[in-house]
Amino acid sequence: MRRLRGFSLAEVLVSLGILATLGIIAMPWFSGLMQSYRLNAATLQVAGDLRYAQSLAVSNGGYYRFHWGNDALVNQSNSYRIEKSTNGTSWPVASATMASDPNVISSWMNIGTSYPGMTLTALNDANNATLTGVVFNSRGSSSDPSNAALTNPITFTVSSTAGTSNTIQVRRTGSVRIL
């Protein structure tokens, strides 16, 4: 008579217990890892959109602004969009859309919707003054005709609910770096 091979109920239960214990131990590590990946992805998204605004300014001429929605007129502190201006001082109104105004290049992008747990927490110049945007001119450099007091470099902070953050720096020349 041939003997059937397999596992006993006790062996299966012990194996499942060990697997469950390892899963419980690894869960906080995995959660932190996912938070780190989301933070890096959100930072790359923002840096990429800053570079996109710069490339539009160079290729099309004129002024393009990466507009952070933290100002009182917009009141969407976790959002941003790209806008165009011919003179660098007049910009689309906050309620304008891509359909209603050709100077609105992109819709409001809410970073927390695309990357849960991520927030845009600060956009400051070198003197730590809070800004509402980064303006690129036709040479690709960071300048703002409507803000003579602006000092470079400009830093943008992307933060996670876990308390970690990444900083993006925009220099006067227009170079965008993740620090």
N, C-alpha and C. Protein backbone atom coordinates (compact mmCIF):
# COMPACT_ATOMS: atom_id res chain seq x y z
N MET A 1 0.83 -1.17 0.00
CA MET A 1 0.00 0.00 0.00
C MET A 1 0.88 1.25 0.00
N ARG A 2 0.50 2.20 -0.85
CA ARG A 2 1.25 3.43 -0.99
C ARG A 2 0.81 4.45 0.05
N ARG A 3 1.75 5.10 0.62
CA ARG A 3 1.43 6.08 1.64
C ARG A 3 1.24 7.46 1.01
N LEU A 4 0.17 8.20 1.36
CA LEU A 4 -0.08 9.55 0.85
C LEU A 4 0.80 10.55 1.59
N ARG A 5 1.34 11.44 0.81
CA ARG A 5 2.20 12.46 1.42
C ARG A 5 1.43 13.76 1.56
N GLY A 6 1.79 14.54 2.53
CA GLY A 6 1.13 15.82 2.75
C GLY A 6 1.53 16.37 4.10
N PHE A 7 0.87 17.44 4.49
CA PHE A 7 1.16 18.08 5.76
C PHE A 7 0.01 17.82 6.72
N SER A 8 0.36 17.70 7.97
CA SER A 8 -0.69 17.53 8.98
C SER A 8 -1.27 18.91 9.30
N LEU A 9 -2.41 18.92 9.94
CA LEU A 9 -3.07 20.16 10.31
C LEU A 9 -2.17 20.98 11.23
N ALA A 10 -1.48 20.35 12.13
CA ALA A 10 -0.59 21.05 13.06
C ALA A 10 0.53 21.75 12.31
N GLU A 11 1.12 21.07 11.32
CA GLU A 11 2.20 21.68 10.54
C GLU A 11 1.70 22.90 9.75
N VAL A 12 0.53 22.81 9.19
CA VAL A 12 -0.04 23.93 8.43
C VAL A 12 -0.31 25.11 9.36
N LEU A 13 -0.87 24.85 10.55
CA LEU A 13 -1.17 25.93 11.49
C LEU A 13 0.11 26.60 12.00
N VAL A 14 1.15 25.83 12.27
CA VAL A 14 2.42 26.40 12.72
C VAL A 14 3.01 27.27 11.61
N SER A 15 2.96 26.79 10.38
CA SER A 15 3.49 27.56 9.24
C SER A 15 2.73 28.87 9.07
N LEU A 16 1.40 28.81 9.17
CA LEU A 16 0.60 30.03 9.05
C LEU A 16 0.89 31.00 10.19
N GLY A 17 1.11 30.49 11.38
CA GLY A 17 1.45 31.33 12.53
C GLY A 17 2.77 32.06 12.32
N ILE A 18 3.76 31.34 11.82
CA ILE A 18 5.06 31.95 11.54
C ILE A 18 4.92 33.02 10.46
N LEU A 19 4.19 32.72 9.41
CA LEU A 19 3.97 33.66 8.32
C LEU A 19 3.24 34.92 8.81
N ALA A 20 2.23 34.75 9.64
CA ALA A 20 1.49 35.89 10.19
C ALA A 20 2.39 36.75 11.06
N THR A 21 3.22 36.13 11.87
CA THR A 21 4.15 36.87 12.73
C THR A 21 5.13 37.69 11.89
N LEU A 22 5.68 37.09 10.86
CA LEU A 22 6.60 37.82 9.98
C LEU A 22 5.88 38.98 9.28
N GLY A 23 4.63 38.77 8.89
CA GLY A 23 3.85 39.83 8.25
C GLY A 23 3.61 40.99 9.18
N ILE A 24 3.30 40.70 10.43
CA ILE A 24 3.05 41.75 11.42
C ILE A 24 4.33 42.53 11.70
N ILE A 25 5.45 41.84 11.75
CA ILE A 25 6.74 42.50 11.99
C ILE A 25 7.11 43.39 10.80
N ALA A 26 6.85 42.92 9.60
CA ALA A 26 7.26 43.64 8.39
C ALA A 26 6.31 44.79 8.03
N MET A 27 5.09 44.81 8.54
CA MET A 27 4.10 45.81 8.14
C MET A 27 4.56 47.26 8.38
N PRO A 28 5.07 47.63 9.54
CA PRO A 28 5.53 49.02 9.73
C PRO A 28 6.67 49.38 8.76
N TRP A 29 7.55 48.46 8.54
CA TRP A 29 8.65 48.70 7.61
C TRP A 29 8.11 48.93 6.21
N PHE A 30 7.17 48.11 5.79
CA PHE A 30 6.59 48.23 4.45
C PHE A 30 5.83 49.54 4.31
N SER A 31 5.09 49.92 5.35
CA SER A 31 4.34 51.17 5.33
C SER A 31 5.28 52.36 5.20
N GLY A 32 6.38 52.34 5.95
CA GLY A 32 7.39 53.41 5.85
C GLY A 32 8.03 53.44 4.48
N LEU A 33 8.26 52.28 3.92
CA LEU A 33 8.85 52.19 2.58
C LEU A 33 7.91 52.80 1.54
N MET A 34 6.62 52.50 1.65
CA MET A 34 5.64 53.07 0.71
C MET A 34 5.57 54.58 0.86
N GLN A 35 5.62 55.08 2.09
CA GLN A 35 5.60 56.52 2.34
C GLN A 35 6.82 57.18 1.70
N SER A 36 7.96 56.54 1.82
CA SER A 36 9.19 57.06 1.22
C SER A 36 9.10 57.09 -0.31
N TYR A 37 8.56 56.03 -0.89
CA TYR A 37 8.38 55.98 -2.35
C TYR A 37 7.41 57.07 -2.82
N ARG A 38 6.33 57.27 -2.07
CA ARG A 38 5.37 58.32 -2.44
C ARG A 38 6.00 59.70 -2.36
N LEU A 39 6.79 59.94 -1.31
CA LEU A 39 7.46 61.23 -1.16
C LEU A 39 8.40 61.48 -2.32
N ASN A 40 9.19 60.48 -2.67
CA ASN A 40 10.13 60.64 -3.79
C ASN A 40 9.39 60.84 -5.11
N ALA A 41 8.30 60.11 -5.32
CA ALA A 41 7.52 60.26 -6.55
C ALA A 41 6.88 61.64 -6.63
N ALA A 42 6.33 62.13 -5.52
CA ALA A 42 5.72 63.46 -5.50
C ALA A 42 6.77 64.54 -5.76
N THR A 43 7.94 64.37 -5.17
CA THR A 43 9.03 65.33 -5.39
C THR A 43 9.45 65.35 -6.84
N LEU A 44 9.59 64.18 -7.44
CA LEU A 44 9.94 64.10 -8.86
C LEU A 44 8.86 64.72 -9.74
N GLN A 45 7.60 64.54 -9.38
CA GLN A 45 6.48 65.13 -10.13
C GLN A 45 6.58 66.66 -10.10
N VAL A 46 6.77 67.23 -8.91
CA VAL A 46 6.85 68.69 -8.78
C VAL A 46 8.08 69.22 -9.51
N ALA A 47 9.23 68.58 -9.33
CA ALA A 47 10.45 69.02 -10.02
C ALA A 47 10.28 68.93 -11.53
N GLY A 48 9.65 67.88 -12.00
CA GLY A 48 9.41 67.72 -13.43
C GLY A 48 8.50 68.81 -13.97
N ASP A 49 7.48 69.18 -13.21
CA ASP A 49 6.58 70.24 -13.66
C ASP A 49 7.25 71.61 -13.61
N LEU A 50 8.15 71.82 -12.65
CA LEU A 50 8.95 73.05 -12.65
C LEU A 50 9.81 73.12 -13.91
N ARG A 51 10.45 72.01 -14.25
CA ARG A 51 11.28 71.96 -15.46
C ARG A 51 10.43 72.14 -16.71
N TYR A 52 9.21 71.62 -16.69
CA TYR A 52 8.30 71.77 -17.82
C TYR A 52 7.95 73.25 -18.03
N ALA A 53 7.65 73.96 -16.93
CA ALA A 53 7.35 75.39 -17.03
C ALA A 53 8.55 76.14 -17.60
N GLN A 54 9.74 75.77 -17.16
CA GLN A 54 10.95 76.40 -17.67
C GLN A 54 11.13 76.12 -19.16
N SER A 55 10.92 74.89 -19.57
CA SER A 55 11.10 74.55 -20.99
C SER A 55 10.07 75.25 -21.87
N LEU A 56 8.85 75.45 -21.36
CA LEU A 56 7.85 76.20 -22.11
C LEU A 56 8.28 77.65 -22.29
N ALA A 57 8.85 78.24 -21.24
CA ALA A 57 9.31 79.63 -21.33
C ALA A 57 10.41 79.78 -22.37
N VAL A 58 11.31 78.81 -22.42
CA VAL A 58 12.42 78.87 -23.38
C VAL A 58 11.92 78.62 -24.80
N SER A 59 11.11 77.60 -24.98
CA SER A 59 10.70 77.22 -26.33
C SER A 59 9.64 78.15 -26.92
N ASN A 60 8.78 78.73 -26.09
CA ASN A 60 7.71 79.58 -26.60
C ASN A 60 7.95 81.07 -26.38
N GLY A 61 8.93 81.41 -25.57
CA GLY A 61 9.16 82.81 -25.23
C GLY A 61 8.14 83.29 -24.21
N GLY A 62 8.40 84.42 -23.63
CA GLY A 62 7.48 84.96 -22.63
C GLY A 62 7.78 84.43 -21.24
N TYR A 63 6.81 84.60 -20.37
CA TYR A 63 6.95 84.20 -18.97
C TYR A 63 5.99 83.05 -18.67
N TYR A 64 6.50 82.07 -17.95
CA TYR A 64 5.67 80.96 -17.50
C TYR A 64 5.86 80.83 -16.00
N ARG A 65 4.76 80.59 -15.31
CA ARG A 65 4.80 80.53 -13.85
C ARG A 65 4.29 79.18 -13.36
N PHE A 66 5.04 78.64 -12.43
CA PHE A 66 4.61 77.49 -11.64
C PHE A 66 3.88 78.12 -10.46
N HIS A 67 2.56 78.10 -10.47
CA HIS A 67 1.75 78.81 -9.48
C HIS A 67 1.30 77.86 -8.38
N TRP A 68 1.80 78.10 -7.17
CA TRP A 68 1.39 77.33 -6.01
C TRP A 68 0.11 77.94 -5.46
N GLY A 69 -0.88 77.14 -5.18
CA GLY A 69 -2.19 77.63 -4.76
C GLY A 69 -2.31 78.02 -3.31
N ASN A 70 -1.22 78.44 -2.67
CA ASN A 70 -1.28 78.79 -1.25
C ASN A 70 -1.74 80.23 -1.01
N ASP A 71 -1.89 81.04 -2.07
CA ASP A 71 -2.30 82.42 -1.85
C ASP A 71 -3.79 82.51 -1.53
N ALA A 72 -4.19 83.63 -0.97
CA ALA A 72 -5.57 83.80 -0.50
C ALA A 72 -6.59 83.73 -1.63
N LEU A 73 -6.19 84.10 -2.84
CA LEU A 73 -7.13 84.09 -3.96
C LEU A 73 -7.46 82.68 -4.42
N VAL A 74 -6.53 81.76 -4.22
CA VAL A 74 -6.73 80.38 -4.68
C VAL A 74 -7.16 79.48 -3.52
N ASN A 75 -6.42 79.56 -2.42
CA ASN A 75 -6.69 78.78 -1.21
C ASN A 75 -6.70 77.27 -1.47
N GLN A 76 -5.74 76.81 -2.23
CA GLN A 76 -5.54 75.37 -2.47
C GLN A 76 -4.07 75.07 -2.20
N SER A 77 -3.69 75.09 -0.94
CA SER A 77 -2.27 75.03 -0.58
C SER A 77 -1.57 73.74 -1.00
N ASN A 78 -2.31 72.74 -1.36
CA ASN A 78 -1.68 71.48 -1.76
C ASN A 78 -1.71 71.29 -3.28
N SER A 79 -2.00 72.38 -4.00
CA SER A 79 -2.16 72.31 -5.45
C SER A 79 -1.26 73.31 -6.16
N TYR A 80 -1.04 73.05 -7.44
CA TYR A 80 -0.30 73.99 -8.28
C TYR A 80 -0.74 73.83 -9.72
N ARG A 81 -0.41 74.83 -10.54
CA ARG A 81 -0.66 74.74 -11.97
C ARG A 81 0.37 75.60 -12.70
N ILE A 82 0.43 75.45 -14.01
CA ILE A 82 1.36 76.21 -14.83
C ILE A 82 0.55 77.23 -15.63
N GLU A 83 1.05 78.48 -15.62
CA GLU A 83 0.37 79.58 -16.29
C GLU A 83 1.34 80.35 -17.18
N LYS A 84 0.78 81.11 -18.11
CA LYS A 84 1.58 81.88 -19.06
C LYS A 84 1.21 83.36 -18.95
N SER A 85 2.22 84.23 -19.18
CA SER A 85 1.99 85.67 -19.21
C SER A 85 2.89 86.28 -20.27
N THR A 86 2.42 87.31 -20.94
CA THR A 86 3.26 87.96 -21.95
C THR A 86 4.21 88.97 -21.33
N ASN A 87 3.82 89.56 -20.19
CA ASN A 87 4.65 90.59 -19.57
C ASN A 87 5.22 90.20 -18.21
N GLY A 88 4.83 89.08 -17.66
CA GLY A 88 5.35 88.62 -16.38
C GLY A 88 4.69 89.24 -15.18
N THR A 89 3.72 90.11 -15.39
CA THR A 89 3.04 90.73 -14.25
C THR A 89 1.54 90.44 -14.21
N SER A 90 0.93 90.18 -15.34
CA SER A 90 -0.50 89.84 -15.35
C SER A 90 -0.66 88.35 -15.61
N TRP A 91 -1.39 87.70 -14.71
CA TRP A 91 -1.55 86.24 -14.76
C TRP A 91 -3.02 85.89 -14.78
N PRO A 92 -3.38 84.69 -15.20
CA PRO A 92 -4.79 84.28 -15.18
C PRO A 92 -5.36 84.32 -13.77
N VAL A 93 -6.65 84.62 -13.68
CA VAL A 93 -7.30 84.61 -12.36
C VAL A 93 -7.39 83.17 -11.87
N ALA A 94 -7.51 83.01 -10.57
CA ALA A 94 -7.49 81.67 -9.96
C ALA A 94 -8.60 80.77 -10.46
N SER A 95 -9.75 81.36 -10.78
CA SER A 95 -10.89 80.55 -11.21
C SER A 95 -10.83 80.18 -12.69
N ALA A 96 -9.87 80.75 -13.43
CA ALA A 96 -9.75 80.45 -14.86
C ALA A 96 -9.38 78.99 -15.07
N THR A 97 -9.85 78.45 -16.17
CA THR A 97 -9.54 77.06 -16.51
C THR A 97 -8.84 77.02 -17.86
N MET A 98 -8.37 75.86 -18.24
CA MET A 98 -7.73 75.71 -19.54
C MET A 98 -8.72 76.02 -20.66
N ALA A 99 -9.99 75.72 -20.45
CA ALA A 99 -11.01 75.98 -21.47
C ALA A 99 -11.37 77.46 -21.57
N SER A 100 -11.31 78.18 -20.44
CA SER A 100 -11.74 79.58 -20.45
C SER A 100 -10.61 80.58 -20.70
N ASP A 101 -9.37 80.17 -20.51
CA ASP A 101 -8.24 81.10 -20.66
C ASP A 101 -7.05 80.37 -21.28
N PRO A 102 -6.59 80.82 -22.45
CA PRO A 102 -5.46 80.14 -23.10
C PRO A 102 -4.14 80.28 -22.34
N ASN A 103 -4.10 81.18 -21.35
CA ASN A 103 -2.88 81.36 -20.56
C ASN A 103 -2.78 80.38 -19.39
N VAL A 104 -3.81 79.58 -19.20
CA VAL A 104 -3.76 78.50 -18.20
C VAL A 104 -3.26 77.27 -18.93
N ILE A 105 -2.06 76.83 -18.61
CA ILE A 105 -1.42 75.73 -19.33
C ILE A 105 -1.81 74.37 -18.77
N SER A 106 -2.00 74.28 -17.46
CA SER A 106 -2.41 73.01 -16.85
C SER A 106 -3.47 73.26 -15.79
N SER A 107 -4.27 72.27 -15.53
CA SER A 107 -5.28 72.36 -14.47
C SER A 107 -4.59 72.29 -13.11
N TRP A 108 -5.34 72.65 -12.07
CA TRP A 108 -4.78 72.54 -10.73
C TRP A 108 -4.46 71.08 -10.42
N MET A 109 -3.24 70.84 -10.02
CA MET A 109 -2.77 69.49 -9.67
C MET A 109 -2.68 69.41 -8.15
N ASN A 110 -3.52 68.57 -7.53
CA ASN A 110 -3.48 68.39 -6.09
C ASN A 110 -2.54 67.23 -5.79
N ILE A 111 -1.42 67.53 -5.18
CA ILE A 111 -0.38 66.53 -4.94
C ILE A 111 -0.86 65.46 -3.96
N GLY A 112 -1.72 65.82 -3.01
CA GLY A 112 -2.23 64.85 -2.03
C GLY A 112 -3.20 63.85 -2.63
N THR A 113 -3.86 64.23 -3.72
CA THR A 113 -4.77 63.31 -4.40
C THR A 113 -3.98 62.27 -5.17
N SER A 114 -2.95 62.73 -5.86
CA SER A 114 -2.12 61.81 -6.65
C SER A 114 -1.18 60.98 -5.79
N TYR A 115 -0.72 61.57 -4.70
CA TYR A 115 0.22 60.89 -3.81
C TYR A 115 -0.30 61.03 -2.38
N PRO A 116 -1.15 60.11 -1.92
CA PRO A 116 -1.76 60.21 -0.59
C PRO A 116 -0.72 60.40 0.52
N GLY A 117 -1.02 61.33 1.42
CA GLY A 117 -0.13 61.60 2.54
C GLY A 117 0.95 62.63 2.24
N MET A 118 0.97 63.18 1.03
CA MET A 118 1.99 64.16 0.66
C MET A 118 1.38 65.56 0.63
N THR A 119 2.17 66.55 1.04
CA THR A 119 1.72 67.94 1.02
C THR A 119 2.83 68.84 0.51
N LEU A 120 2.42 69.96 -0.08
CA LEU A 120 3.36 71.01 -0.47
C LEU A 120 3.37 71.98 0.70
N THR A 121 4.50 72.09 1.39
CA THR A 121 4.48 72.83 2.65
C THR A 121 5.15 74.19 2.60
N ALA A 122 6.07 74.45 1.69
CA ALA A 122 6.73 75.75 1.69
C ALA A 122 7.33 76.06 0.33
N LEU A 123 7.21 77.32 -0.07
CA LEU A 123 7.87 77.84 -1.26
C LEU A 123 8.46 79.18 -0.83
N ASN A 124 9.77 79.19 -0.64
CA ASN A 124 10.43 80.37 -0.09
C ASN A 124 11.60 80.80 -0.96
N ASP A 125 11.92 82.11 -0.87
CA ASP A 125 13.14 82.58 -1.52
C ASP A 125 14.28 82.50 -0.52
N ALA A 126 15.45 83.00 -0.90
CA ALA A 126 16.64 82.89 -0.04
C ALA A 126 16.49 83.64 1.28
N ASN A 127 15.63 84.66 1.33
CA ASN A 127 15.38 85.41 2.56
C ASN A 127 14.23 84.81 3.37
N ASN A 128 13.79 83.63 2.99
CA ASN A 128 12.71 82.90 3.66
C ASN A 128 11.35 83.58 3.52
N ALA A 129 11.20 84.44 2.51
CA ALA A 129 9.90 85.04 2.23
C ALA A 129 9.04 84.01 1.51
N THR A 130 7.77 83.91 1.91
CA THR A 130 6.86 82.96 1.28
C THR A 130 6.45 83.47 -0.10
N LEU A 131 6.52 82.59 -1.08
CA LEU A 131 6.16 82.93 -2.45
C LEU A 131 4.92 82.15 -2.87
N THR A 132 4.28 82.62 -3.94
CA THR A 132 3.13 81.89 -4.48
C THR A 132 3.46 81.26 -5.82
N GLY A 133 4.68 81.41 -6.28
CA GLY A 133 5.03 80.81 -7.56
C GLY A 133 6.48 81.04 -7.94
N VAL A 134 6.88 80.33 -8.98
CA VAL A 134 8.21 80.48 -9.56
C VAL A 134 7.99 80.90 -11.01
N VAL A 135 8.60 82.00 -11.42
CA VAL A 135 8.44 82.52 -12.78
C VAL A 135 9.72 82.28 -13.56
N PHE A 136 9.56 81.75 -14.78
CA PHE A 136 10.69 81.54 -15.68
C PHE A 136 10.52 82.47 -16.88
N ASN A 137 11.63 83.10 -17.31
CA ASN A 137 11.57 83.97 -18.48
C ASN A 137 12.03 83.22 -19.73
N SER A 138 12.09 83.92 -20.85
CA SER A 138 12.39 83.27 -22.14
C SER A 138 13.81 82.71 -22.21
N ARG A 139 14.68 83.11 -21.30
CA ARG A 139 16.04 82.54 -21.24
C ARG A 139 16.10 81.33 -20.31
N GLY A 140 14.98 81.04 -19.67
CA GLY A 140 14.92 79.90 -18.77
C GLY A 140 15.33 80.20 -17.35
N SER A 141 15.70 81.46 -17.09
CA SER A 141 16.13 81.79 -15.74
C SER A 141 14.93 82.13 -14.86
N SER A 142 15.14 82.00 -13.58
CA SER A 142 14.10 82.27 -12.60
C SER A 142 14.10 83.76 -12.28
N SER A 143 13.06 84.45 -12.69
CA SER A 143 12.94 85.88 -12.41
C SER A 143 11.47 86.20 -12.26
N ASP A 144 11.18 87.25 -11.53
CA ASP A 144 9.79 87.62 -11.33
C ASP A 144 9.67 89.14 -11.44
N PRO A 145 9.24 89.65 -12.59
CA PRO A 145 9.12 91.10 -12.78
C PRO A 145 8.19 91.77 -11.77
N SER A 146 7.24 91.03 -11.22
CA SER A 146 6.30 91.62 -10.27
C SER A 146 6.81 91.57 -8.83
N ASN A 147 8.00 91.00 -8.62
CA ASN A 147 8.54 90.87 -7.27
C ASN A 147 10.02 91.22 -7.28
N ALA A 148 10.31 92.51 -7.17
CA ALA A 148 11.70 92.99 -7.23
C ALA A 148 12.52 92.53 -6.03
N ALA A 149 11.86 92.23 -4.92
CA ALA A 149 12.57 91.84 -3.70
C ALA A 149 12.97 90.36 -3.69
N LEU A 150 12.58 89.61 -4.72
CA LEU A 150 12.87 88.18 -4.78
C LEU A 150 14.37 87.91 -4.77
N THR A 151 14.79 87.01 -3.91
CA THR A 151 16.20 86.60 -3.87
C THR A 151 16.28 85.10 -4.12
N ASN A 152 17.23 84.72 -4.92
CA ASN A 152 17.42 83.31 -5.26
C ASN A 152 18.49 82.70 -4.37
N PRO A 153 18.50 81.40 -4.17
CA PRO A 153 17.65 80.38 -4.77
C PRO A 153 16.28 80.29 -4.09
N ILE A 154 15.36 79.72 -4.82
CA ILE A 154 14.01 79.47 -4.33
C ILE A 154 13.95 78.00 -3.91
N THR A 155 13.36 77.73 -2.77
CA THR A 155 13.23 76.34 -2.33
C THR A 155 11.76 75.98 -2.17
N PHE A 156 11.45 74.76 -2.54
CA PHE A 156 10.10 74.23 -2.48
C PHE A 156 10.18 72.94 -1.67
N THR A 157 9.33 72.80 -0.65
CA THR A 157 9.37 71.63 0.22
C THR A 157 8.14 70.76 0.01
N VAL A 158 8.39 69.48 -0.22
CA VAL A 158 7.33 68.47 -0.33
C VAL A 158 7.46 67.60 0.92
N SER A 159 6.38 67.47 1.69
CA SER A 159 6.43 66.75 2.97
C SER A 159 5.46 65.59 2.99
N SER A 160 5.77 64.63 3.85
CA SER A 160 4.87 63.48 4.05
C SER A 160 4.29 63.56 5.45
N THR A 161 3.19 62.86 5.66
CA THR A 161 2.57 62.84 6.98
C THR A 161 3.44 62.11 8.00
N ALA A 162 4.44 61.37 7.53
CA ALA A 162 5.36 60.67 8.42
C ALA A 162 6.41 61.61 9.00
N GLY A 163 6.41 62.88 8.54
CA GLY A 163 7.36 63.85 9.07
C GLY A 163 8.62 64.00 8.25
N THR A 164 8.75 63.29 7.15
CA THR A 164 9.92 63.43 6.29
C THR A 164 9.59 64.42 5.17
N SER A 165 10.63 64.99 4.59
CA SER A 165 10.41 65.95 3.51
C SER A 165 11.58 65.95 2.54
N ASN A 166 11.31 66.42 1.34
CA ASN A 166 12.33 66.63 0.32
C ASN A 166 12.27 68.09 -0.10
N THR A 167 13.40 68.64 -0.47
CA THR A 167 13.47 70.03 -0.89
C THR A 167 13.91 70.12 -2.34
N ILE A 168 13.22 70.97 -3.08
CA ILE A 168 13.56 71.24 -4.47
C ILE A 168 14.09 72.67 -4.51
N GLN A 169 15.20 72.86 -5.20
CA GLN A 169 15.80 74.19 -5.29
C GLN A 169 15.78 74.68 -6.73
N VAL A 170 15.34 75.93 -6.91
CA VAL A 170 15.37 76.58 -8.22
C VAL A 170 16.36 77.74 -8.11
N ARG A 171 17.41 77.69 -8.89
CA ARG A 171 18.43 78.74 -8.86
C ARG A 171 18.08 79.85 -9.83
N ARG A 172 18.79 80.95 -9.72
CA ARG A 172 18.57 82.10 -10.60
C ARG A 172 18.69 81.72 -12.07
N THR A 173 19.58 80.81 -12.38
CA THR A 173 19.78 80.39 -13.77
C THR A 173 18.62 79.53 -14.27
N GLY A 174 17.76 79.10 -13.36
CA GLY A 174 16.62 78.28 -13.73
C GLY A 174 16.84 76.80 -13.49
N SER A 175 18.03 76.43 -13.06
CA SER A 175 18.27 75.00 -12.82
C SER A 175 17.41 74.53 -11.65
N VAL A 176 16.85 73.35 -11.80
CA VAL A 176 15.97 72.76 -10.80
C VAL A 176 16.68 71.53 -10.25
N ARG A 177 16.91 71.53 -8.93
CA ARG A 177 17.61 70.40 -8.30
C ARG A 177 16.83 69.90 -7.11
N ILE A 178 16.88 68.59 -6.92
CA ILE A 178 16.32 67.99 -5.71
C ILE A 178 17.47 67.84 -4.74
N LEU A 179 17.32 68.45 -3.57
CA LEU A 179 18.40 68.41 -2.57
C LEU A 179 18.29 67.21 -1.67
